């Protein structure tokens, strides 16, 4: 069984036991999380597509990690003008483990 959920402005295909990184969700490590925006549920040959959401469907997950991703460098440069700007950024994320899908 698998599902497609929407969180943090992105869509993810999830199945039980999968660990994935999503945009930061408030909560402590080990706390349960419920994703209510389920767009699609597939089980074998059966496929349920929501319009836009599947009614009474939820995905249960548990927070595994709260951290920040690797640093990316933003570098702006204009030749012959002595213009250089360097800036770093680390995006916060939450790692969740999918426990179950309720249809």
PDB file of N, CA and C in Angstrom:
ATOM      1  N   UNK A   1       0.843  -1.179   0.000  1.00  0.00           N
ATOM      2  CA  UNK A   1       0.000   0.000   0.000  1.00  0.00           C
ATOM      3  C   UNK A   1       0.884   1.237   0.000  1.00  0.00           C
ATOM      4  N   UNK A   2       0.492   2.233  -0.790  1.00  0.00           N
ATOM      5  CA  UNK A   2       1.243   3.483  -0.823  1.00  0.00           C
ATOM      6  C   UNK A   2       0.263   4.642  -0.922  1.00  0.00           C
ATOM      7  N   UNK A   3       0.781   5.843  -0.651  1.00  0.00           N
ATOM      8  CA  UNK A   3      -0.048   7.039  -0.710  1.00  0.00           C
ATOM      9  C   UNK A   3       0.807   8.201  -1.190  1.00  0.00           C
ATOM     10  N   UNK A   4       0.152   9.222  -1.705  1.00  0.00           N
ATOM     11  CA  UNK A   4       0.818  10.468  -2.072  1.00  0.00           C
ATOM     12  C   UNK A   4       0.259  11.540  -1.148  1.00  0.00           C
ATOM     13  N   UNK A   5       1.164  12.188  -0.387  1.00  0.00           N
ATOM     14  CA  UNK A   5       0.744  13.213   0.562  1.00  0.00           C
ATOM     15  C   UNK A   5       1.334  14.557   0.147  1.00  0.00           C
ATOM     16  N   UNK A   6       0.716  15.631   0.630  1.00  0.00           N
ATOM     17  CA  UNK A   6       1.217  16.979   0.389  1.00  0.00           C
ATOM     18  C   UNK A   6       1.563  17.604   1.732  1.00  0.00           C
ATOM     19  N   UNK A   7       2.798  18.084   1.856  1.00  0.00           N
ATOM     20  CA  UNK A   7       3.227  18.790   3.058  1.00  0.00           C
ATOM     21  C   UNK A   7       4.369  19.718   2.694  1.00  0.00           C
ATOM     22  N   UNK A   8       4.362  20.899   3.268  1.00  0.00           N
ATOM     23  CA  UNK A   8       5.427  21.857   3.010  1.00  0.00           C
ATOM     24  C   UNK A   8       5.491  22.333   1.575  1.00  0.00           C
ATOM     25  N   UNK A   9       4.362  22.314   0.868  1.00  0.00           N
ATOM     26  CA  UNK A   9       4.342  22.762  -0.514  1.00  0.00           C
ATOM     27  C   UNK A   9       4.882  21.754  -1.508  1.00  0.00           C
ATOM     28  N   UNK A  10       5.126  20.535  -1.058  1.00  0.00           N
ATOM     29  CA  UNK A  10       5.654  19.483  -1.938  1.00  0.00           C
ATOM     30  C   UNK A  10       4.792  18.233  -1.809  1.00  0.00           C
ATOM     31  N   UNK A  11       4.936  17.316  -2.753  1.00  0.00           N
ATOM     32  CA  UNK A  11       4.211  16.060  -2.723  1.00  0.00           C
ATOM     33  C   UNK A  11       5.196  14.911  -2.598  1.00  0.00           C
ATOM     34  N   UNK A  12       4.843  13.906  -1.788  1.00  0.00           N
ATOM     35  CA  UNK A  12       5.721  12.768  -1.536  1.00  0.00           C
ATOM     36  C   UNK A  12       4.939  11.474  -1.686  1.00  0.00           C
ATOM     37  N   UNK A  13       5.556  10.479  -2.305  1.00  0.00           N
ATOM     38  CA  UNK A  13       4.988   9.133  -2.358  1.00  0.00           C
ATOM     39  C   UNK A  13       5.543   8.380  -1.157  1.00  0.00           C
ATOM     40  N   UNK A  14       4.651   7.874  -0.293  1.00  0.00           N
ATOM     41  CA  UNK A  14       5.074   7.234   0.954  1.00  0.00           C
ATOM     42  C   UNK A  14       4.476   5.842   1.056  1.00  0.00           C
ATOM     43  N   UNK A  15       5.160   4.980   1.788  1.00  0.00           N
ATOM     44  CA  UNK A  15       4.661   3.654   2.131  1.00  0.00           C
ATOM     45  C   UNK A  15       5.146   3.335   3.540  1.00  0.00           C
ATOM     46  N   UNK A  16       4.482   2.427   4.244  1.00  0.00           N
ATOM     47  CA  UNK A  16       4.877   2.130   5.626  1.00  0.00           C
ATOM     48  C   UNK A  16       6.333   1.670   5.721  1.00  0.00           C
ATOM     49  N   UNK A  17       7.032   2.196   6.732  1.00  0.00           N
ATOM     50  CA  UNK A  17       8.429   1.860   6.948  1.00  0.00           C
ATOM     51  C   UNK A  17       9.400   2.815   6.273  1.00  0.00           C
ATOM     52  N   UNK A  18       8.920   3.716   5.432  1.00  0.00           N
ATOM     53  CA  UNK A  18       9.779   4.648   4.709  1.00  0.00           C
ATOM     54  C   UNK A  18      10.158   5.822   5.608  1.00  0.00           C
ATOM     55  N   UNK A  19      11.424   6.245   5.542  1.00  0.00           N
ATOM     56  CA  UNK A  19      11.884   7.435   6.247  1.00  0.00           C
ATOM     57  C   UNK A  19      12.191   8.501   5.207  1.00  0.00           C
ATOM     58  N   UNK A  20      11.613   9.702   5.384  1.00  0.00           N
ATOM     59  CA  UNK A  20      11.850  10.762   4.419  1.00  0.00           C
ATOM     60  C   UNK A  20      12.000  12.093   5.133  1.00  0.00           C
ATOM     61  N   UNK A  21      12.643  13.037   4.430  1.00  0.00           N
ATOM     62  CA  UNK A  21      12.854  14.386   4.947  1.00  0.00           C
ATOM     63  C   UNK A  21      11.804  15.305   4.367  1.00  0.00           C
ATOM     64  N   UNK A  22      11.117  16.038   5.237  1.00  0.00           N
ATOM     65  CA  UNK A  22      10.114  17.013   4.804  1.00  0.00           C
ATOM     66  C   UNK A  22      10.488  18.371   5.379  1.00  0.00           C
ATOM     67  N   UNK A  23       9.794  19.414   4.936  1.00  0.00           N
ATOM     68  CA  UNK A  23      10.008  20.744   5.502  1.00  0.00           C
ATOM     69  C   UNK A  23       9.741  20.685   7.004  1.00  0.00           C
ATOM     70  N   UNK A  24      10.361  21.575   7.750  1.00  0.00           N
ATOM     71  CA  UNK A  24      10.321  21.532   9.207  1.00  0.00           C
ATOM     72  C   UNK A  24       8.897  21.506   9.747  1.00  0.00           C
ATOM     73  N   UNK A  25       8.651  20.551  10.650  1.00  0.00           N
ATOM     74  CA  UNK A  25       7.386  20.393  11.344  1.00  0.00           C
ATOM     75  C   UNK A  25       7.674  20.578  12.829  1.00  0.00           C
ATOM     76  N   UNK A  26       6.924  21.409  13.547  1.00  0.00           N
ATOM     77  CA  UNK A  26       7.188  21.558  14.981  1.00  0.00           C
ATOM     78  C   UNK A  26       6.881  20.264  15.725  1.00  0.00           C
ATOM     79  N   UNK A  27       7.723  19.927  16.698  1.00  0.00           N
ATOM     80  CA  UNK A  27       7.523  18.723  17.495  1.00  0.00           C
ATOM     81  C   UNK A  27       8.844  18.139  17.935  1.00  0.00           C
ATOM     82  N   UNK A  28       8.785  17.316  18.967  1.00  0.00           N
ATOM     83  CA  UNK A  28       9.970  16.672  19.511  1.00  0.00           C
ATOM     84  C   UNK A  28      10.228  15.346  18.799  1.00  0.00           C
ATOM     85  N   UNK A  29      11.458  14.861  18.921  1.00  0.00           N
ATOM     86  CA  UNK A  29      11.810  13.561  18.352  1.00  0.00           C
ATOM     87  C   UNK A  29      11.012  12.484  19.070  1.00  0.00           C
ATOM     88  N   UNK A  30      10.373  11.609  18.306  1.00  0.00           N
ATOM     89  CA  UNK A  30       9.546  10.549  18.863  1.00  0.00           C
ATOM     90  C   UNK A  30       8.067  10.891  18.908  1.00  0.00           C
ATOM     91  N   UNK A  31       7.713  12.141  18.635  1.00  0.00           N
ATOM     92  CA  UNK A  31       6.311  12.548  18.673  1.00  0.00           C
ATOM     93  C   UNK A  31       5.583  12.068  17.414  1.00  0.00           C
ATOM     94  N   UNK A  32       4.307  11.669  17.557  1.00  0.00           N
ATOM     95  CA  UNK A  32       3.537  11.249  16.371  1.00  0.00           C
ATOM     96  C   UNK A  32       3.081  12.444  15.549  1.00  0.00           C
ATOM     97  N   UNK A  33       2.988  12.230  14.234  1.00  0.00           N
ATOM     98  CA  UNK A  33       2.548  13.259  13.296  1.00  0.00           C
ATOM     99  C   UNK A  33       1.496  12.632  12.384  1.00  0.00           C
ATOM    100  N   UNK A  34       0.453  13.404  12.066  1.00  0.00           N
ATOM    101  CA  UNK A  34      -0.583  12.928  11.162  1.00  0.00           C
ATOM    102  C   UNK A  34      -0.636  13.845   9.946  1.00  0.00           C
ATOM    103  N   UNK A  35      -0.566  13.256   8.755  1.00  0.00           N
ATOM    104  CA  UNK A  35      -0.692  13.997   7.513  1.00  0.00           C
ATOM    105  C   UNK A  35      -2.108  13.787   6.989  1.00  0.00           C
ATOM    106  N   UNK A  36      -2.892  14.880   6.935  1.00  0.00           N
ATOM    107  CA  UNK A  36      -4.287  14.785   6.513  1.00  0.00           C
ATOM    108  C   UNK A  36      -4.479  15.031   5.024  1.00  0.00           C
ATOM    109  N   UNK A  37      -3.526  15.672   4.387  1.00  0.00           N
ATOM    110  CA  UNK A  37      -3.663  15.982   2.967  1.00  0.00           C
ATOM    111  C   UNK A  37      -3.169  14.801   2.129  1.00  0.00           C
ATOM    112  N   UNK A  38      -4.038  13.821   1.946  1.00  0.00           N
ATOM    113  CA  UNK A  38      -3.721  12.623   1.160  1.00  0.00           C
ATOM    114  C   UNK A  38      -4.347  12.802  -0.220  1.00  0.00           C
ATOM    115  N   UNK A  39      -3.506  12.795  -1.253  1.00  0.00           N
ATOM    116  CA  UNK A  39      -3.971  13.046  -2.609  1.00  0.00           C
ATOM    117  C   UNK A  39      -4.325  11.770  -3.360  1.00  0.00           C
ATOM    118  N   UNK A  40      -3.705  10.650  -2.981  1.00  0.00           N
ATOM    119  CA  UNK A  40      -3.899   9.407  -3.724  1.00  0.00           C
ATOM    120  C   UNK A  40      -3.558   8.238  -2.810  1.00  0.00           C
ATOM    121  N   UNK A  41      -4.293   7.144  -2.937  1.00  0.00           N
ATOM    122  CA  UNK A  41      -3.982   5.911  -2.212  1.00  0.00           C
ATOM    123  C   UNK A  41      -4.015   4.767  -3.206  1.00  0.00           C
ATOM    124  N   UNK A  42      -2.952   3.949  -3.216  1.00  0.00           N
ATOM    125  CA  UNK A  42      -2.891   2.792  -4.101  1.00  0.00           C
ATOM    126  C   UNK A  42      -2.631   1.532  -3.307  1.00  0.00           C
ATOM    127  N   UNK A  43      -3.409   0.483  -3.633  1.00  0.00           N
ATOM    128  CA  UNK A  43      -3.245  -0.805  -2.967  1.00  0.00           C
ATOM    129  C   UNK A  43      -3.454  -1.894  -4.008  1.00  0.00           C
ATOM    130  N   UNK A  44      -2.328  -2.468  -4.471  1.00  0.00           N
ATOM    131  CA  UNK A  44      -2.417  -3.479  -5.520  1.00  0.00           C
ATOM    132  C   UNK A  44      -2.958  -2.872  -6.803  1.00  0.00           C
ATOM    133  N   UNK A  45      -4.069  -3.419  -7.305  1.00  0.00           N
ATOM    134  CA  UNK A  45      -4.692  -2.906  -8.522  1.00  0.00           C
ATOM    135  C   UNK A  45      -5.639  -1.743  -8.230  1.00  0.00           C
ATOM    136  N   UNK A  46      -6.046  -1.583  -6.961  1.00  0.00           N
ATOM    137  CA  UNK A  46      -6.996  -0.522  -6.606  1.00  0.00           C
ATOM    138  C   UNK A  46      -6.275   0.809  -6.471  1.00  0.00           C
ATOM    139  N   UNK A  47      -6.848   1.854  -7.042  1.00  0.00           N
ATOM    140  CA  UNK A  47      -6.273   3.192  -6.983  1.00  0.00           C
ATOM    141  C   UNK A  47      -7.386   4.175  -6.659  1.00  0.00           C
ATOM    142  N   UNK A  48      -7.209   4.943  -5.572  1.00  0.00           N
ATOM    143  CA  UNK A  48      -8.182   5.944  -5.177  1.00  0.00           C
ATOM    144  C   UNK A  48      -7.547   7.309  -5.337  1.00  0.00           C
ATOM    145  N   UNK A  49      -8.117   8.120  -6.206  1.00  0.00           N
ATOM    146  CA  UNK A  49      -7.598   9.455  -6.473  1.00  0.00           C
ATOM    147  C   UNK A  49      -8.555  10.464  -5.860  1.00  0.00           C
ATOM    148  N   UNK A  50      -8.027  11.399  -5.084  1.00  0.00           N
ATOM    149  CA  UNK A  50      -8.857  12.419  -4.458  1.00  0.00           C
ATOM    150  C   UNK A  50      -9.125  13.577  -5.390  1.00  0.00           C
ATOM    151  N   UNK A  51     -10.222  14.304  -5.083  1.00  0.00           N
ATOM    152  CA  UNK A  51     -10.563  15.473  -5.895  1.00  0.00           C
ATOM    153  C   UNK A  51     -10.860  16.641  -4.996  1.00  0.00           C
ATOM    154  N   UNK A  52      -9.937  17.369  -4.434  1.00  0.00           N
ATOM    155  CA  UNK A  52      -8.496  17.186  -4.559  1.00  0.00           C
ATOM    156  C   UNK A  52      -7.923  16.225  -3.514  1.00  0.00           C
ATOM    157  N   UNK A  53      -8.668  15.957  -2.409  1.00  0.00           N
ATOM    158  CA  UNK A  53      -8.152  15.081  -1.356  1.00  0.00           C
ATOM    159  C   UNK A  53      -9.020  13.834  -1.235  1.00  0.00           C
ATOM    160  N   UNK A  54      -8.410  12.750  -0.737  1.00  0.00           N
ATOM    161  CA  UNK A  54      -9.136  11.520  -0.463  1.00  0.00           C
ATOM    162  C   UNK A  54      -9.821  11.698   0.886  1.00  0.00           C
ATOM    163  N   UNK A  55     -11.131  11.500   0.933  1.00  0.00           N
ATOM    164  CA  UNK A  55     -11.887  11.700   2.169  1.00  0.00           C
ATOM    165  C   UNK A  55     -11.555  10.671   3.227  1.00  0.00           C
ATOM    166  N   UNK A  56     -11.476  11.113   4.479  1.00  0.00           N
ATOM    167  CA  UNK A  56     -11.219  10.252   5.653  1.00  0.00           C
ATOM    168  C   UNK A  56      -9.938   9.445   5.532  1.00  0.00           C
ATOM    169  N   UNK A  57      -8.945   9.964   4.852  1.00  0.00           N
ATOM    170  CA  UNK A  57      -7.662   9.268   4.720  1.00  0.00           C
ATOM    171  C   UNK A  57      -6.606  10.032   5.508  1.00  0.00           C
ATOM    172  N   UNK A  58      -5.745   9.279   6.199  1.00  0.00           N
ATOM    173  CA  UNK A  58      -4.670   9.870   6.990  1.00  0.00           C
ATOM    174  C   UNK A  58      -3.428   9.006   6.871  1.00  0.00           C
ATOM    175  N   UNK A  59      -2.283   9.630   7.035  1.00  0.00           N
ATOM    176  CA  UNK A  59      -1.008   8.911   7.087  1.00  0.00           C
ATOM    177  C   UNK A  59      -0.389   9.201   8.442  1.00  0.00           C
ATOM    178  N   UNK A  60      -0.129   8.140   9.200  1.00  0.00           N
ATOM    179  CA  UNK A  60       0.467   8.261  10.529  1.00  0.00           C
ATOM    180  C   UNK A  60       1.980   8.139  10.401  1.00  0.00           C
ATOM    181  N   UNK A  61       2.701   9.031  11.093  1.00  0.00           N
ATOM    182  CA  UNK A  61       4.163   9.013  11.047  1.00  0.00           C
ATOM    183  C   UNK A  61       4.704   9.373  12.417  1.00  0.00           C
ATOM    184  N   UNK A  62       6.009   9.226  12.574  1.00  0.00           N
ATOM    185  CA  UNK A  62       6.687   9.552  13.824  1.00  0.00           C
ATOM    186  C   UNK A  62       7.949  10.333  13.485  1.00  0.00           C
ATOM    187  N   UNK A  63       8.227  11.395  14.257  1.00  0.00           N
ATOM    188  CA  UNK A  63       9.405  12.228  14.020  1.00  0.00           C
ATOM    189  C   UNK A  63      10.650  11.465  14.453  1.00  0.00           C
ATOM    190  N   UNK A  64      11.618  11.360  13.544  1.00  0.00           N
ATOM    191  CA  UNK A  64      12.856  10.637  13.809  1.00  0.00           C
ATOM    192  C   UNK A  64      13.995  11.605  14.106  1.00  0.00           C
ATOM    193  N   UNK A  65      13.993  12.769  13.427  1.00  0.00           N
ATOM    194  CA  UNK A  65      15.127  13.689  13.549  1.00  0.00           C
ATOM    195  C   UNK A  65      14.681  15.108  13.219  1.00  0.00           C
ATOM    196  N   UNK A  66      15.227  16.072  13.956  1.00  0.00           N
ATOM    197  CA  UNK A  66      15.066  17.499  13.648  1.00  0.00           C
ATOM    198  C   UNK A  66      16.468  18.048  13.428  1.00  0.00           C
ATOM    199  N   UNK A  67      16.759  18.553  12.236  1.00  0.00           N
ATOM    200  CA  UNK A  67      18.122  18.980  11.941  1.00  0.00           C
ATOM    201  C   UNK A  67      18.097  20.021  10.829  1.00  0.00           C
ATOM    202  N   UNK A  68      19.289  20.416  10.397  1.00  0.00           N
ATOM    203  CA  UNK A  68      19.426  21.322   9.262  1.00  0.00           C
ATOM    204  C   UNK A  68      20.261  20.617   8.194  1.00  0.00           C
ATOM    205  N   UNK A  69      19.935  20.895   6.937  1.00  0.00           N
ATOM    206  CA  UNK A  69      20.614  20.257   5.808  1.00  0.00           C
ATOM    207  C   UNK A  69      22.018  20.838   5.635  1.00  0.00           C
ATOM    208  N   UNK A  70      22.762  20.279   4.689  1.00  0.00           N
ATOM    209  CA  UNK A  70      24.107  20.779   4.388  1.00  0.00           C
ATOM    210  C   UNK A  70      24.040  22.211   3.910  1.00  0.00           C
ATOM    211  N   UNK A  71      25.118  22.950   4.137  1.00  0.00           N
ATOM    212  CA  UNK A  71      25.152  24.354   3.745  1.00  0.00           C
ATOM    213  C   UNK A  71      25.276  24.480   2.233  1.00  0.00           C
ATOM    214  N   UNK A  72      24.483  25.402   1.684  1.00  0.00           N
ATOM    215  CA  UNK A  72      24.648  25.766   0.282  1.00  0.00           C
ATOM    216  C   UNK A  72      25.184  27.185   0.249  1.00  0.00           C
ATOM    217  N   UNK A  73      26.007  27.491  -0.748  1.00  0.00           N
ATOM    218  CA  UNK A  73      26.590  28.812  -0.891  1.00  0.00           C
ATOM    219  C   UNK A  73      25.891  29.570  -2.003  1.00  0.00           C
ATOM    220  N   UNK A  74      25.525  30.805  -1.698  1.00  0.00           N
ATOM    221  CA  UNK A  74      24.934  31.704  -2.682  1.00  0.00           C
ATOM    222  C   UNK A  74      25.992  32.749  -2.987  1.00  0.00           C
ATOM    223  N   UNK A  75      26.492  32.773  -4.218  1.00  0.00           N
ATOM    224  CA  UNK A  75      27.585  33.670  -4.584  1.00  0.00           C
ATOM    225  C   UNK A  75      27.157  34.508  -5.772  1.00  0.00           C
ATOM    226  N   UNK A  76      27.163  35.833  -5.576  1.00  0.00           N
ATOM    227  CA  UNK A  76      26.827  36.762  -6.658  1.00  0.00           C
ATOM    228  C   UNK A  76      28.109  37.451  -7.091  1.00  0.00           C
ATOM    229  N   UNK A  77      28.274  37.655  -8.403  1.00  0.00           N
ATOM    230  CA  UNK A  77      29.519  38.201  -8.937  1.00  0.00           C
ATOM    231  C   UNK A  77      29.220  38.978 -10.212  1.00  0.00           C
ATOM    232  N   UNK A  78      29.796  40.171 -10.316  1.00  0.00           N
ATOM    233  CA  UNK A  78      29.721  40.941 -11.558  1.00  0.00           C
ATOM    234  C   UNK A  78      31.145  41.281 -11.965  1.00  0.00           C
ATOM    235  N   UNK A  79      31.516  40.835 -13.141  1.00  0.00           N
ATOM    236  CA  UNK A  79      32.899  41.021 -13.581  1.00  0.00           C
ATOM    237  C   UNK A  79      33.210  42.500 -13.807  1.00  0.00           C
ATOM    238  N   UNK A  80      34.440  42.857 -13.556  1.00  0.00           N
ATOM    239  CA  UNK A  80      34.989  44.200 -13.770  1.00  0.00           C
ATOM    240  C   UNK A  80      34.327  45.289 -12.932  1.00  0.00           C
ATOM    241  N   UNK A  81      33.500  44.949 -11.963  1.00  0.00           N
ATOM    242  CA  UNK A  81      32.811  45.964 -11.166  1.00  0.00           C
ATOM    243  C   UNK A  81      33.152  45.866  -9.676  1.00  0.00           C
ATOM    244  N   UNK A  82      34.038  44.928  -9.317  1.00  0.00           N
ATOM    245  CA  UNK A  82      34.418  44.686  -7.918  1.00  0.00           C
ATOM    246  C   UNK A  82      33.190  44.358  -7.048  1.00  0.00           C
ATOM    247  N   UNK A  83      32.257  43.619  -7.610  1.00  0.00           N
ATOM    248  CA  UNK A  83      31.040  43.262  -6.882  1.00  0.00           C
ATOM    249  C   UNK A  83      31.050  41.772  -6.605  1.00  0.00           C
ATOM    250  N   UNK A  84      31.123  41.419  -5.327  1.00  0.00           N
ATOM    251  CA  UNK A  84      31.076  40.017  -4.897  1.00  0.00           C
ATOM    252  C   UNK A  84      30.254  39.944  -3.623  1.00  0.00           C
ATOM    253  N   UNK A  85      29.330  38.992  -3.551  1.00  0.00           N
ATOM    254  CA  UNK A  85      28.551  38.759  -2.344  1.00  0.00           C
ATOM    255  C   UNK A  85      28.506  37.256  -2.107  1.00  0.00           C
ATOM    256  N   UNK A  86      28.830  36.857  -0.900  1.00  0.00           N
ATOM    257  CA  UNK A  86      28.818  35.438  -0.552  1.00  0.00           C
ATOM    258  C   UNK A  86      27.930  35.255   0.668  1.00  0.00           C
ATOM    259  N   UNK A  87      27.018  34.302   0.556  1.00  0.00           N
ATOM    260  CA  UNK A  87      26.086  34.053   1.647  1.00  0.00           C
ATOM    261  C   UNK A  87      25.847  32.553   1.740  1.00  0.00           C
ATOM    262  N   UNK A  88      25.736  32.037   2.955  1.00  0.00           N
ATOM    263  CA  UNK A  88      25.453  30.625   3.171  1.00  0.00           C
ATOM    264  C   UNK A  88      24.042  30.430   3.706  1.00  0.00           C
ATOM    265  N   UNK A  89      23.499  29.230   3.504  1.00  0.00           N
ATOM    266  CA  UNK A  89      22.148  28.931   3.974  1.00  0.00           C
ATOM    267  C   UNK A  89      22.052  27.449   4.319  1.00  0.00           C
ATOM    268  N   UNK A  90      21.420  27.154   5.470  1.00  0.00           N
ATOM    269  CA  UNK A  90      21.136  25.773   5.867  1.00  0.00           C
ATOM    270  C   UNK A  90      19.642  25.653   6.108  1.00  0.00           C
ATOM    271  N   UNK A  91      18.975  24.839   5.307  1.00  0.00           N
ATOM    272  CA  UNK A  91      17.524  24.691   5.396  1.00  0.00           C
ATOM    273  C   UNK A  91      17.167  23.687   6.497  1.00  0.00           C
ATOM    274  N   UNK A  92      16.309  24.067   7.442  1.00  0.00           N
ATOM    275  CA  UNK A  92      15.878  23.106   8.463  1.00  0.00           C
ATOM    276  C   UNK A  92      14.939  22.058   7.864  1.00  0.00           C
ATOM    277  N   UNK A  93      15.013  20.835   8.394  1.00  0.00           N
ATOM    278  CA  UNK A  93      14.143  19.757   7.917  1.00  0.00           C
ATOM    279  C   UNK A  93      13.743  18.879   9.088  1.00  0.00           C
ATOM    280  N   UNK A  94      12.733  18.062   8.858  1.00  0.00           N
ATOM    281  CA  UNK A  94      12.279  17.069   9.821  1.00  0.00           C
ATOM    282  C   UNK A  94      12.273  15.717   9.124  1.00  0.00           C
ATOM    283  N   UNK A  95      12.940  14.745   9.704  1.00  0.00           N
ATOM    284  CA  UNK A  95      12.915  13.383   9.166  1.00  0.00           C
ATOM    285  C   UNK A  95      11.794  12.618   9.874  1.00  0.00           C
ATOM    286  N   UNK A  96      10.885  12.025   9.086  1.00  0.00           N
ATOM    287  CA  UNK A  96       9.772  11.269   9.652  1.00  0.00           C
ATOM    288  C   UNK A  96       9.791   9.844   9.109  1.00  0.00           C
ATOM    289  N   UNK A  97       9.336   8.901   9.950  1.00  0.00           N
ATOM    290  CA  UNK A  97       9.187   7.505   9.543  1.00  0.00           C
ATOM    291  C   UNK A  97       7.702   7.207   9.445  1.00  0.00           C
ATOM    292  N   UNK A  98       7.270   6.688   8.322  1.00  0.00           N
ATOM    293  CA  UNK A  98       5.843   6.412   8.081  1.00  0.00           C
ATOM    294  C   UNK A  98       5.468   5.126   8.809  1.00  0.00           C
ATOM    295  N   UNK A  99       4.454   5.228   9.676  1.00  0.00           N
ATOM    296  CA  UNK A  99       3.996   4.070  10.450  1.00  0.00           C
ATOM    297  C   UNK A  99       2.834   3.343   9.788  1.00  0.00           C
ATOM    298  N   UNK A 100       1.900   4.089   9.226  1.00  0.00           N
ATOM    299  CA  UNK A 100       0.744   3.440   8.624  1.00  0.00           C
ATOM    300  C   UNK A 100      -0.079   4.389   7.777  1.00  0.00           C
ATOM    301  N   UNK A 101      -0.915   3.792   6.923  1.00  0.00           N
ATOM    302  CA  UNK A 101      -1.807   4.553   6.051  1.00  0.00           C
ATOM    303  C   UNK A 101      -3.237   4.098   6.356  1.00  0.00           C
ATOM    304  N   UNK A 102      -4.086   5.058   6.715  1.00  0.00           N
ATOM    305  CA  UNK A 102      -5.489   4.764   6.995  1.00  0.00           C
ATOM    306  C   UNK A 102      -6.343   5.295   5.854  1.00  0.00           C
ATOM    307  N   UNK A 103      -7.132   4.424   5.248  1.00  0.00           N
ATOM    308  CA  UNK A 103      -7.972   4.841   4.125  1.00  0.00           C
ATOM    309  C   UNK A 103      -9.409   4.994   4.577  1.00  0.00           C
TER     310      UNK A 103
END
